[in-house]
Amino acid sequence: LYPILYRAGIFDLSPDMMGLFTGSTIHEVAHVVGAANAMGAEVSNNAIIVKMIRVMMLVPVLLVIAWTVARDVAKRDCLENTDTNKPKISIPWFAILFLVVIGFNSLGLLPESIVNWINQLDTFLLTMAMTALGAETSFDKFKKAGIKPFLLAAILYCWLIGGGYCLVKFAIPYLQ
């Protein structure tokens, strides 16, 4: 809905601010790319950068969560005297490798033709992944889940759109 609401003037934001809003309030990278590209290159460039920053921030968050859980497990094991070994931290390798690829790509070591080929492959694989998600989903699964997940999703949707819009429209200008 973002492109429709933006083009209709309901989201009264500059392209820079719309990119910030889109990248910070849409969950999936593919959805950010699709919605932002439908609103133009200036919106898309900002939205994708904001979303990639959000993805990069997963690395420290996941490491802190893994460390906290491991520490809690160690405390529980000490209290129960079930295990004297230190629990191992589960490292989010996908997130760390994401940062490694960003660093590698920033060095400009690969020719542009190879980077373009990788981007085309990436688009194809992302399309296949989204197709697989759709093929795995059925209305029966939605019925089985009941109304509570839909209610929660609706509340979160309203919170992200309303709260995100207010932050971008009214708070961000004061930070600049």
N, C-alpha and C. Protein backbone atom coordinates (compact mmCIF):
# COMPACT_ATOMS: atom_id res chain seq x y z
N LEU A 1 0.80 -1.21 0.00
CA LEU A 1 0.00 0.00 0.00
C LEU A 1 0.84 1.27 0.00
N TYR A 2 2.09 1.18 0.42
CA TYR A 2 2.92 2.38 0.52
C TYR A 2 2.99 3.17 -0.79
N PRO A 3 3.28 2.50 -1.93
CA PRO A 3 3.34 3.27 -3.17
C PRO A 3 2.03 3.97 -3.52
N ILE A 4 0.92 3.28 -3.27
CA ILE A 4 -0.39 3.88 -3.57
C ILE A 4 -0.63 5.09 -2.68
N LEU A 5 -0.39 4.94 -1.37
CA LEU A 5 -0.62 6.04 -0.44
C LEU A 5 0.35 7.20 -0.69
N TYR A 6 1.55 6.89 -1.11
CA TYR A 6 2.54 7.94 -1.42
C TYR A 6 2.13 8.70 -2.67
N ARG A 7 1.77 7.96 -3.71
CA ARG A 7 1.38 8.61 -4.97
C ARG A 7 0.09 9.41 -4.82
N ALA A 8 -0.79 8.97 -3.92
CA ALA A 8 -2.06 9.68 -3.69
C ALA A 8 -1.87 10.91 -2.80
N GLY A 9 -0.68 11.09 -2.25
CA GLY A 9 -0.41 12.24 -1.41
C GLY A 9 -0.82 12.06 0.04
N ILE A 10 -1.25 10.86 0.40
CA ILE A 10 -1.65 10.60 1.79
C ILE A 10 -0.42 10.58 2.68
N PHE A 11 0.66 9.99 2.18
CA PHE A 11 1.94 10.09 2.87
C PHE A 11 2.62 11.35 2.35
N ASP A 12 2.46 12.43 3.07
CA ASP A 12 2.99 13.73 2.66
C ASP A 12 4.45 13.85 3.11
N LEU A 13 5.33 13.13 2.40
CA LEU A 13 6.74 13.10 2.76
C LEU A 13 7.58 13.36 1.51
N SER A 14 8.75 13.96 1.72
CA SER A 14 9.69 14.13 0.61
C SER A 14 10.20 12.74 0.22
N PRO A 15 10.78 12.60 -0.97
CA PRO A 15 11.32 11.28 -1.35
C PRO A 15 12.34 10.76 -0.35
N ASP A 16 13.19 11.62 0.19
CA ASP A 16 14.17 11.17 1.19
C ASP A 16 13.46 10.62 2.42
N MET A 17 12.47 11.36 2.91
CA MET A 17 11.75 10.93 4.11
C MET A 17 10.91 9.69 3.83
N MET A 18 10.34 9.59 2.63
CA MET A 18 9.57 8.39 2.29
C MET A 18 10.48 7.17 2.25
N GLY A 19 11.70 7.35 1.77
CA GLY A 19 12.66 6.25 1.78
C GLY A 19 13.00 5.82 3.20
N LEU A 20 13.17 6.80 4.08
CA LEU A 20 13.44 6.50 5.49
C LEU A 20 12.27 5.76 6.12
N PHE A 21 11.06 6.25 5.84
CA PHE A 21 9.84 5.62 6.37
C PHE A 21 9.70 4.19 5.85
N THR A 22 9.88 4.01 4.56
CA THR A 22 9.72 2.69 3.94
C THR A 22 10.76 1.70 4.47
N GLY A 23 12.01 2.11 4.50
CA GLY A 23 13.08 1.22 4.95
C GLY A 23 13.00 0.88 6.42
N SER A 24 12.39 1.78 7.21
CA SER A 24 12.36 1.53 8.65
C SER A 24 11.09 0.84 9.13
N THR A 25 10.07 0.78 8.31
CA THR A 25 8.81 0.20 8.78
C THR A 25 8.37 -1.07 8.04
N ILE A 26 9.00 -1.40 6.95
CA ILE A 26 8.65 -2.64 6.24
C ILE A 26 9.65 -3.72 6.65
N HIS A 27 9.14 -4.88 6.97
CA HIS A 27 9.97 -5.95 7.56
C HIS A 27 10.89 -6.64 6.56
N GLU A 28 10.37 -7.16 5.50
CA GLU A 28 11.14 -7.97 4.56
C GLU A 28 11.95 -7.12 3.60
N VAL A 29 13.19 -7.52 3.35
CA VAL A 29 14.05 -6.81 2.41
C VAL A 29 13.40 -6.78 1.03
N ALA A 30 12.87 -7.91 0.59
CA ALA A 30 12.24 -7.97 -0.74
C ALA A 30 11.06 -7.01 -0.83
N HIS A 31 10.31 -6.89 0.23
CA HIS A 31 9.16 -5.98 0.22
C HIS A 31 9.62 -4.52 0.19
N VAL A 32 10.70 -4.22 0.91
CA VAL A 32 11.24 -2.86 0.88
C VAL A 32 11.69 -2.53 -0.54
N VAL A 33 12.41 -3.44 -1.16
CA VAL A 33 12.90 -3.21 -2.52
C VAL A 33 11.73 -3.01 -3.48
N GLY A 34 10.75 -3.88 -3.41
CA GLY A 34 9.59 -3.78 -4.32
C GLY A 34 8.80 -2.51 -4.12
N ALA A 35 8.45 -2.20 -2.87
CA ALA A 35 7.66 -1.00 -2.59
C ALA A 35 8.43 0.26 -2.93
N ALA A 36 9.70 0.31 -2.55
CA ALA A 36 10.50 1.52 -2.78
C ALA A 36 10.74 1.76 -4.26
N ASN A 37 11.02 0.69 -5.01
CA ASN A 37 11.22 0.86 -6.46
C ASN A 37 9.96 1.36 -7.15
N ALA A 38 8.81 1.01 -6.62
CA ALA A 38 7.55 1.49 -7.20
C ALA A 38 7.33 2.98 -6.95
N MET A 39 8.11 3.56 -6.04
CA MET A 39 7.97 5.00 -5.72
C MET A 39 9.07 5.84 -6.33
N GLY A 40 10.04 5.24 -6.96
CA GLY A 40 11.09 6.00 -7.63
C GLY A 40 12.47 5.73 -7.06
N ALA A 41 13.48 6.12 -7.84
CA ALA A 41 14.87 5.83 -7.49
C ALA A 41 15.30 6.52 -6.21
N GLU A 42 14.88 7.76 -5.99
CA GLU A 42 15.32 8.48 -4.79
C GLU A 42 14.76 7.82 -3.52
N VAL A 43 13.50 7.43 -3.56
CA VAL A 43 12.90 6.72 -2.43
C VAL A 43 13.59 5.38 -2.26
N SER A 44 13.80 4.68 -3.36
CA SER A 44 14.39 3.35 -3.32
C SER A 44 15.80 3.36 -2.73
N ASN A 45 16.63 4.30 -3.17
CA ASN A 45 18.01 4.36 -2.67
C ASN A 45 18.03 4.52 -1.15
N ASN A 46 17.24 5.43 -0.63
CA ASN A 46 17.21 5.66 0.82
C ASN A 46 16.60 4.48 1.56
N ALA A 47 15.51 3.94 1.04
CA ALA A 47 14.82 2.84 1.72
C ALA A 47 15.72 1.62 1.84
N ILE A 48 16.43 1.30 0.78
CA ILE A 48 17.28 0.11 0.79
C ILE A 48 18.45 0.30 1.76
N ILE A 49 19.03 1.49 1.79
CA ILE A 49 20.12 1.76 2.72
C ILE A 49 19.63 1.63 4.16
N VAL A 50 18.48 2.23 4.46
CA VAL A 50 17.92 2.15 5.82
C VAL A 50 17.66 0.70 6.19
N LYS A 51 17.09 -0.07 5.28
CA LYS A 51 16.80 -1.48 5.57
C LYS A 51 18.09 -2.27 5.77
N MET A 52 19.11 -1.99 4.97
CA MET A 52 20.38 -2.71 5.13
C MET A 52 21.05 -2.35 6.46
N ILE A 53 20.90 -1.11 6.90
CA ILE A 53 21.42 -0.74 8.22
C ILE A 53 20.67 -1.52 9.30
N ARG A 54 19.36 -1.65 9.15
CA ARG A 54 18.59 -2.45 10.11
C ARG A 54 19.08 -3.90 10.13
N VAL A 55 19.35 -4.46 8.95
CA VAL A 55 19.83 -5.84 8.87
C VAL A 55 21.22 -5.95 9.52
N MET A 56 22.09 -4.97 9.26
CA MET A 56 23.43 -5.01 9.87
C MET A 56 23.34 -4.93 11.39
N MET A 57 22.35 -4.23 11.91
CA MET A 57 22.21 -4.11 13.35
C MET A 57 21.75 -5.41 13.99
N LEU A 58 21.32 -6.36 13.16
CA LEU A 58 20.97 -7.68 13.69
C LEU A 58 22.18 -8.38 14.31
N VAL A 59 23.35 -8.14 13.76
CA VAL A 59 24.54 -8.84 14.24
C VAL A 59 24.77 -8.57 15.73
N PRO A 60 24.91 -7.31 16.16
CA PRO A 60 25.12 -7.11 17.60
C PRO A 60 23.93 -7.55 18.45
N VAL A 61 22.73 -7.34 17.94
CA VAL A 61 21.54 -7.75 18.71
C VAL A 61 21.52 -9.27 18.90
N LEU A 62 21.78 -10.01 17.84
CA LEU A 62 21.78 -11.47 17.94
C LEU A 62 22.90 -11.98 18.83
N LEU A 63 24.06 -11.33 18.77
CA LEU A 63 25.16 -11.73 19.64
C LEU A 63 24.83 -11.47 21.11
N VAL A 64 24.21 -10.33 21.39
CA VAL A 64 23.82 -10.02 22.78
C VAL A 64 22.77 -11.01 23.26
N ILE A 65 21.80 -11.33 22.42
CA ILE A 65 20.78 -12.31 22.80
C ILE A 65 21.41 -13.67 23.06
N ALA A 66 22.30 -14.10 22.16
CA ALA A 66 22.96 -15.41 22.34
C ALA A 66 23.77 -15.43 23.63
N TRP A 67 24.50 -14.36 23.93
CA TRP A 67 25.29 -14.29 25.15
C TRP A 67 24.40 -14.31 26.38
N THR A 68 23.29 -13.56 26.34
CA THR A 68 22.36 -13.51 27.47
C THR A 68 21.73 -14.88 27.73
N VAL A 69 21.30 -15.54 26.68
CA VAL A 69 20.69 -16.86 26.84
C VAL A 69 21.72 -17.85 27.37
N ALA A 70 22.94 -17.82 26.85
CA ALA A 70 23.98 -18.73 27.32
C ALA A 70 24.29 -18.48 28.80
N ARG A 71 24.32 -17.23 29.20
CA ARG A 71 24.59 -16.89 30.61
C ARG A 71 23.46 -17.39 31.51
N ASP A 72 22.21 -17.22 31.05
CA ASP A 72 21.07 -17.70 31.83
C ASP A 72 21.06 -19.22 31.95
N VAL A 73 21.41 -19.90 30.88
CA VAL A 73 21.48 -21.36 30.91
C VAL A 73 22.56 -21.80 31.88
N ALA A 74 23.71 -21.10 31.86
CA ALA A 74 24.81 -21.44 32.77
C ALA A 74 24.38 -21.26 34.22
N LYS A 75 23.66 -20.17 34.52
CA LYS A 75 23.18 -19.94 35.89
C LYS A 75 22.21 -21.03 36.31
N ARG A 76 21.30 -21.39 35.43
CA ARG A 76 20.31 -22.42 35.73
C ARG A 76 21.00 -23.76 35.96
N ASP A 77 21.98 -24.08 35.12
CA ASP A 77 22.71 -25.34 35.27
C ASP A 77 23.50 -25.37 36.57
N CYS A 78 24.08 -24.24 36.96
CA CYS A 78 24.81 -24.19 38.24
C CYS A 78 23.87 -24.41 39.41
N LEU A 79 22.68 -23.84 39.33
CA LEU A 79 21.71 -24.00 40.42
C LEU A 79 21.21 -25.44 40.50
N GLU A 80 21.07 -26.08 39.35
CA GLU A 80 20.58 -27.45 39.33
C GLU A 80 21.72 -28.47 39.39
N ASN A 81 22.96 -28.00 39.32
CA ASN A 81 24.14 -28.86 39.31
C ASN A 81 24.04 -29.96 38.25
N THR A 82 23.46 -29.62 37.10
CA THR A 82 23.32 -30.62 36.05
C THR A 82 24.50 -30.63 35.10
N ASP A 83 25.17 -29.50 34.95
CA ASP A 83 26.25 -29.44 33.98
C ASP A 83 27.25 -28.38 34.44
N THR A 84 28.48 -28.75 34.48
CA THR A 84 29.50 -27.79 34.91
C THR A 84 30.20 -27.14 33.72
N ASN A 85 29.91 -27.61 32.51
CA ASN A 85 30.52 -27.02 31.32
C ASN A 85 29.84 -25.70 31.00
N LYS A 86 30.64 -24.79 30.45
CA LYS A 86 30.05 -23.52 30.01
C LYS A 86 29.24 -23.77 28.75
N PRO A 87 28.04 -23.21 28.69
CA PRO A 87 27.26 -23.37 27.46
C PRO A 87 27.89 -22.57 26.32
N LYS A 88 27.77 -23.06 25.13
CA LYS A 88 28.35 -22.39 23.99
C LYS A 88 27.36 -21.38 23.42
N ILE A 89 27.91 -20.27 23.00
CA ILE A 89 27.09 -19.23 22.38
C ILE A 89 26.81 -19.64 20.94
N SER A 90 25.56 -19.55 20.55
CA SER A 90 25.19 -19.83 19.17
C SER A 90 25.45 -18.56 18.35
N ILE A 91 26.40 -18.66 17.45
CA ILE A 91 26.81 -17.48 16.67
C ILE A 91 25.94 -17.39 15.41
N PRO A 92 25.36 -16.21 15.15
CA PRO A 92 24.52 -16.02 13.95
C PRO A 92 25.41 -15.83 12.71
N TRP A 93 25.91 -16.93 12.17
CA TRP A 93 26.86 -16.85 11.06
C TRP A 93 26.30 -16.14 9.85
N PHE A 94 25.01 -16.28 9.56
CA PHE A 94 24.43 -15.61 8.39
C PHE A 94 24.59 -14.10 8.51
N ALA A 95 24.42 -13.58 9.71
CA ALA A 95 24.54 -12.13 9.90
C ALA A 95 25.99 -11.69 9.82
N ILE A 96 26.88 -12.47 10.38
CA ILE A 96 28.31 -12.12 10.33
C ILE A 96 28.82 -12.20 8.89
N LEU A 97 28.41 -13.23 8.16
CA LEU A 97 28.82 -13.34 6.76
C LEU A 97 28.24 -12.21 5.92
N PHE A 98 27.06 -11.73 6.26
CA PHE A 98 26.47 -10.57 5.60
C PHE A 98 27.42 -9.38 5.73
N LEU A 99 27.94 -9.14 6.94
CA LEU A 99 28.88 -8.04 7.15
C LEU A 99 30.19 -8.26 6.39
N VAL A 100 30.64 -9.51 6.35
CA VAL A 100 31.87 -9.83 5.61
C VAL A 100 31.69 -9.51 4.13
N VAL A 101 30.56 -9.89 3.56
CA VAL A 101 30.30 -9.62 2.14
C VAL A 101 30.22 -8.11 1.89
N ILE A 102 29.61 -7.37 2.80
CA ILE A 102 29.56 -5.91 2.65
C ILE A 102 30.98 -5.35 2.63
N GLY A 103 31.81 -5.82 3.57
CA GLY A 103 33.19 -5.36 3.61
C GLY A 103 33.96 -5.72 2.34
N PHE A 104 33.80 -6.95 1.89
CA PHE A 104 34.48 -7.41 0.67
C PHE A 104 34.02 -6.59 -0.53
N ASN A 105 32.72 -6.39 -0.66
CA ASN A 105 32.19 -5.64 -1.80
C ASN A 105 32.65 -4.18 -1.76
N SER A 106 32.82 -3.63 -0.56
CA SER A 106 33.26 -2.25 -0.43
C SER A 106 34.69 -2.05 -0.94
N LEU A 107 35.47 -3.12 -0.96
CA LEU A 107 36.84 -3.03 -1.46
C LEU A 107 36.91 -2.93 -2.99
N GLY A 108 35.80 -3.27 -3.65
CA GLY A 108 35.75 -3.16 -5.11
C GLY A 108 36.67 -4.13 -5.83
N LEU A 109 36.85 -5.32 -5.29
CA LEU A 109 37.78 -6.29 -5.87
C LEU A 109 37.19 -7.04 -7.07
N LEU A 110 35.87 -7.15 -7.13
CA LEU A 110 35.23 -7.89 -8.23
C LEU A 110 34.86 -6.93 -9.36
N PRO A 111 35.02 -7.40 -10.60
CA PRO A 111 34.61 -6.56 -11.73
C PRO A 111 33.09 -6.31 -11.69
N GLU A 112 32.69 -5.19 -12.24
CA GLU A 112 31.27 -4.81 -12.20
C GLU A 112 30.39 -5.85 -12.90
N SER A 113 30.89 -6.49 -13.93
CA SER A 113 30.10 -7.50 -14.64
C SER A 113 29.78 -8.68 -13.72
N ILE A 114 30.72 -9.08 -12.89
CA ILE A 114 30.46 -10.18 -11.95
C ILE A 114 29.49 -9.75 -10.87
N VAL A 115 29.64 -8.53 -10.38
CA VAL A 115 28.71 -8.01 -9.36
C VAL A 115 27.30 -7.94 -9.95
N ASN A 116 27.17 -7.50 -11.19
CA ASN A 116 25.85 -7.45 -11.84
C ASN A 116 25.26 -8.85 -11.97
N TRP A 117 26.09 -9.83 -12.35
CA TRP A 117 25.62 -11.21 -12.47
C TRP A 117 25.15 -11.73 -11.11
N ILE A 118 25.92 -11.45 -10.06
CA ILE A 118 25.54 -11.87 -8.70
C ILE A 118 24.21 -11.22 -8.31
N ASN A 119 24.03 -9.95 -8.64
CA ASN A 119 22.76 -9.27 -8.33
C ASN A 119 21.59 -9.89 -9.08
N GLN A 120 21.81 -10.28 -10.34
CA GLN A 120 20.74 -10.95 -11.10
C GLN A 120 20.43 -12.31 -10.48
N LEU A 121 21.45 -13.04 -10.11
CA LEU A 121 21.25 -14.33 -9.44
C LEU A 121 20.50 -14.12 -8.13
N ASP A 122 20.89 -13.10 -7.40
CA ASP A 122 20.24 -12.78 -6.14
C ASP A 122 18.75 -12.50 -6.34
N THR A 123 18.43 -11.73 -7.35
CA THR A 123 17.02 -11.42 -7.64
C THR A 123 16.25 -12.69 -7.98
N PHE A 124 16.86 -13.56 -8.77
CA PHE A 124 16.22 -14.83 -9.12
C PHE A 124 15.99 -15.69 -7.88
N LEU A 125 17.03 -15.83 -7.05
CA LEU A 125 16.92 -16.66 -5.86
C LEU A 125 15.91 -16.08 -4.87
N LEU A 126 15.87 -14.77 -4.74
CA LEU A 126 14.88 -14.12 -3.87
C LEU A 126 13.47 -14.37 -4.39
N THR A 127 13.31 -14.31 -5.69
CA THR A 127 12.00 -14.60 -6.30
C THR A 127 11.59 -16.05 -6.03
N MET A 128 12.53 -16.97 -6.15
CA MET A 128 12.23 -18.38 -5.88
C MET A 128 11.88 -18.60 -4.41
N ALA A 129 12.59 -17.91 -3.52
CA ALA A 129 12.30 -18.05 -2.09
C ALA A 129 10.90 -17.54 -1.77
N MET A 130 10.52 -16.41 -2.33
CA MET A 130 9.19 -15.87 -2.10
C MET A 130 8.13 -16.78 -2.71
N THR A 131 8.43 -17.36 -3.86
CA THR A 131 7.51 -18.30 -4.49
C THR A 131 7.34 -19.54 -3.62
N ALA A 132 8.43 -20.03 -3.05
CA ALA A 132 8.37 -21.20 -2.17
C ALA A 132 7.52 -20.90 -0.93
N LEU A 133 7.66 -19.70 -0.38
CA LEU A 133 6.82 -19.33 0.77
C LEU A 133 5.34 -19.35 0.38
N GLY A 134 5.05 -18.81 -0.79
CA GLY A 134 3.66 -18.81 -1.25
C GLY A 134 3.14 -20.21 -1.51
N ALA A 135 3.99 -21.08 -2.06
CA ALA A 135 3.58 -22.45 -2.34
C ALA A 135 3.36 -23.24 -1.05
N GLU A 136 4.03 -22.85 0.02
CA GLU A 136 3.93 -23.53 1.31
C GLU A 136 2.70 -23.08 2.11
N THR A 137 2.13 -21.96 1.71
CA THR A 137 1.04 -21.36 2.48
C THR A 137 -0.31 -21.73 1.88
N SER A 138 -1.29 -21.94 2.75
CA SER A 138 -2.65 -22.23 2.30
C SER A 138 -3.65 -21.57 3.25
N PHE A 139 -4.87 -21.40 2.79
CA PHE A 139 -5.89 -20.81 3.64
C PHE A 139 -6.20 -21.68 4.86
N ASP A 140 -6.00 -22.99 4.71
CA ASP A 140 -6.20 -23.88 5.86
C ASP A 140 -5.26 -23.54 7.01
N LYS A 141 -4.03 -23.19 6.68
CA LYS A 141 -3.07 -22.81 7.72
C LYS A 141 -3.51 -21.52 8.43
N PHE A 142 -4.07 -20.61 7.67
CA PHE A 142 -4.57 -19.37 8.27
C PHE A 142 -5.76 -19.66 9.19
N LYS A 143 -6.65 -20.52 8.73
CA LYS A 143 -7.80 -20.87 9.57
C LYS A 143 -7.36 -21.58 10.85
N LYS A 144 -6.37 -22.43 10.72
CA LYS A 144 -5.86 -23.19 11.87
C LYS A 144 -5.22 -22.25 12.90
N ALA A 145 -4.59 -21.18 12.45
CA ALA A 145 -3.92 -20.25 13.35
C ALA A 145 -4.92 -19.46 14.20
N GLY A 146 -6.12 -19.27 13.68
CA GLY A 146 -7.12 -18.52 14.43
C GLY A 146 -7.00 -17.01 14.22
N ILE A 147 -7.76 -16.27 14.99
CA ILE A 147 -7.85 -14.82 14.81
C ILE A 147 -6.73 -14.06 15.52
N LYS A 148 -6.16 -14.62 16.58
CA LYS A 148 -5.18 -13.88 17.38
C LYS A 148 -3.96 -13.41 16.59
N PRO A 149 -3.35 -14.25 15.75
CA PRO A 149 -2.21 -13.75 14.96
C PRO A 149 -2.61 -12.61 14.02
N PHE A 150 -3.82 -12.68 13.46
CA PHE A 150 -4.27 -11.61 12.57
C PHE A 150 -4.51 -10.32 13.34
N LEU A 151 -5.05 -10.44 14.53
CA LEU A 151 -5.27 -9.27 15.37
C LEU A 151 -3.94 -8.63 15.76
N LEU A 152 -2.99 -9.45 16.17
CA LEU A 152 -1.66 -8.93 16.51
C LEU A 152 -1.02 -8.27 15.29
N ALA A 153 -1.12 -8.91 14.13
CA ALA A 153 -0.55 -8.34 12.91
C ALA A 153 -1.20 -7.00 12.57
N ALA A 154 -2.50 -6.90 12.74
CA ALA A 154 -3.20 -5.64 12.46
C ALA A 154 -2.74 -4.52 13.41
N ILE A 155 -2.59 -4.87 14.69
CA ILE A 155 -2.12 -3.88 15.67
C ILE A 155 -0.70 -3.43 15.32
N LEU A 156 0.18 -4.37 15.02
CA LEU A 156 1.55 -4.04 14.65
C LEU A 156 1.61 -3.22 13.36
N TYR A 157 0.76 -3.56 12.41
CA TYR A 157 0.68 -2.82 11.14
C TYR A 157 0.31 -1.36 11.40
N CYS A 158 -0.72 -1.16 12.19
CA CYS A 158 -1.15 0.21 12.52
C CYS A 158 -0.07 0.95 13.30
N TRP A 159 0.57 0.26 14.23
CA TRP A 159 1.64 0.87 15.03
C TRP A 159 2.81 1.29 14.13
N LEU A 160 3.23 0.39 13.23
CA LEU A 160 4.35 0.71 12.36
C LEU A 160 4.02 1.85 11.41
N ILE A 161 2.85 1.81 10.81
CA ILE A 161 2.51 2.88 9.87
C ILE A 161 2.31 4.19 10.62
N GLY A 162 1.47 4.18 11.66
CA GLY A 162 1.20 5.43 12.39
C GLY A 162 2.40 5.95 13.14
N GLY A 163 3.03 5.07 13.93
CA GLY A 163 4.19 5.49 14.71
C GLY A 163 5.37 5.86 13.83
N GLY A 164 5.62 5.04 12.81
CA GLY A 164 6.72 5.32 11.89
C GLY A 164 6.52 6.62 11.14
N TYR A 165 5.29 6.85 10.68
CA TYR A 165 5.00 8.09 9.95
C TYR A 165 5.21 9.30 10.86
N CYS A 166 4.68 9.23 12.07
CA CYS A 166 4.83 10.36 13.00
C CYS A 166 6.29 10.63 13.34
N LEU A 167 7.07 9.57 13.54
CA LEU A 167 8.50 9.76 13.81
C LEU A 167 9.21 10.42 12.64
N VAL A 168 8.95 9.92 11.43
CA VAL A 168 9.62 10.46 10.25
C VAL A 168 9.14 11.88 9.95
N LYS A 169 7.86 12.10 10.06
CA LYS A 169 7.28 13.41 9.70
C LYS A 169 7.60 14.48 10.74
N PHE A 170 7.53 14.13 12.02
CA PHE A 170 7.61 15.16 13.05
C PHE A 170 8.90 15.12 13.88
N ALA A 171 9.46 13.95 14.15
CA ALA A 171 10.63 13.87 15.02
C ALA A 171 11.95 14.01 14.25
N ILE A 172 12.07 13.34 13.12
CA ILE A 172 13.32 13.34 12.37
C ILE A 172 13.73 14.76 11.93
N PRO A 173 12.81 15.62 11.47
CA PRO A 173 13.24 16.98 11.09
C PRO A 173 13.93 17.74 12.23
N TYR A 174 13.57 17.46 13.46
CA TYR A 174 14.21 18.15 14.59
C TYR A 174 15.59 17.60 14.90
N LEU A 175 15.90 16.42 14.40
CA LEU A 175 17.21 15.82 14.65
C LEU A 175 18.24 16.27 13.61
N GLN A 176 17.80 16.88 12.55
CA GLN A 176 18.72 17.25 11.48
C GLN A 176 19.34 18.60 11.70
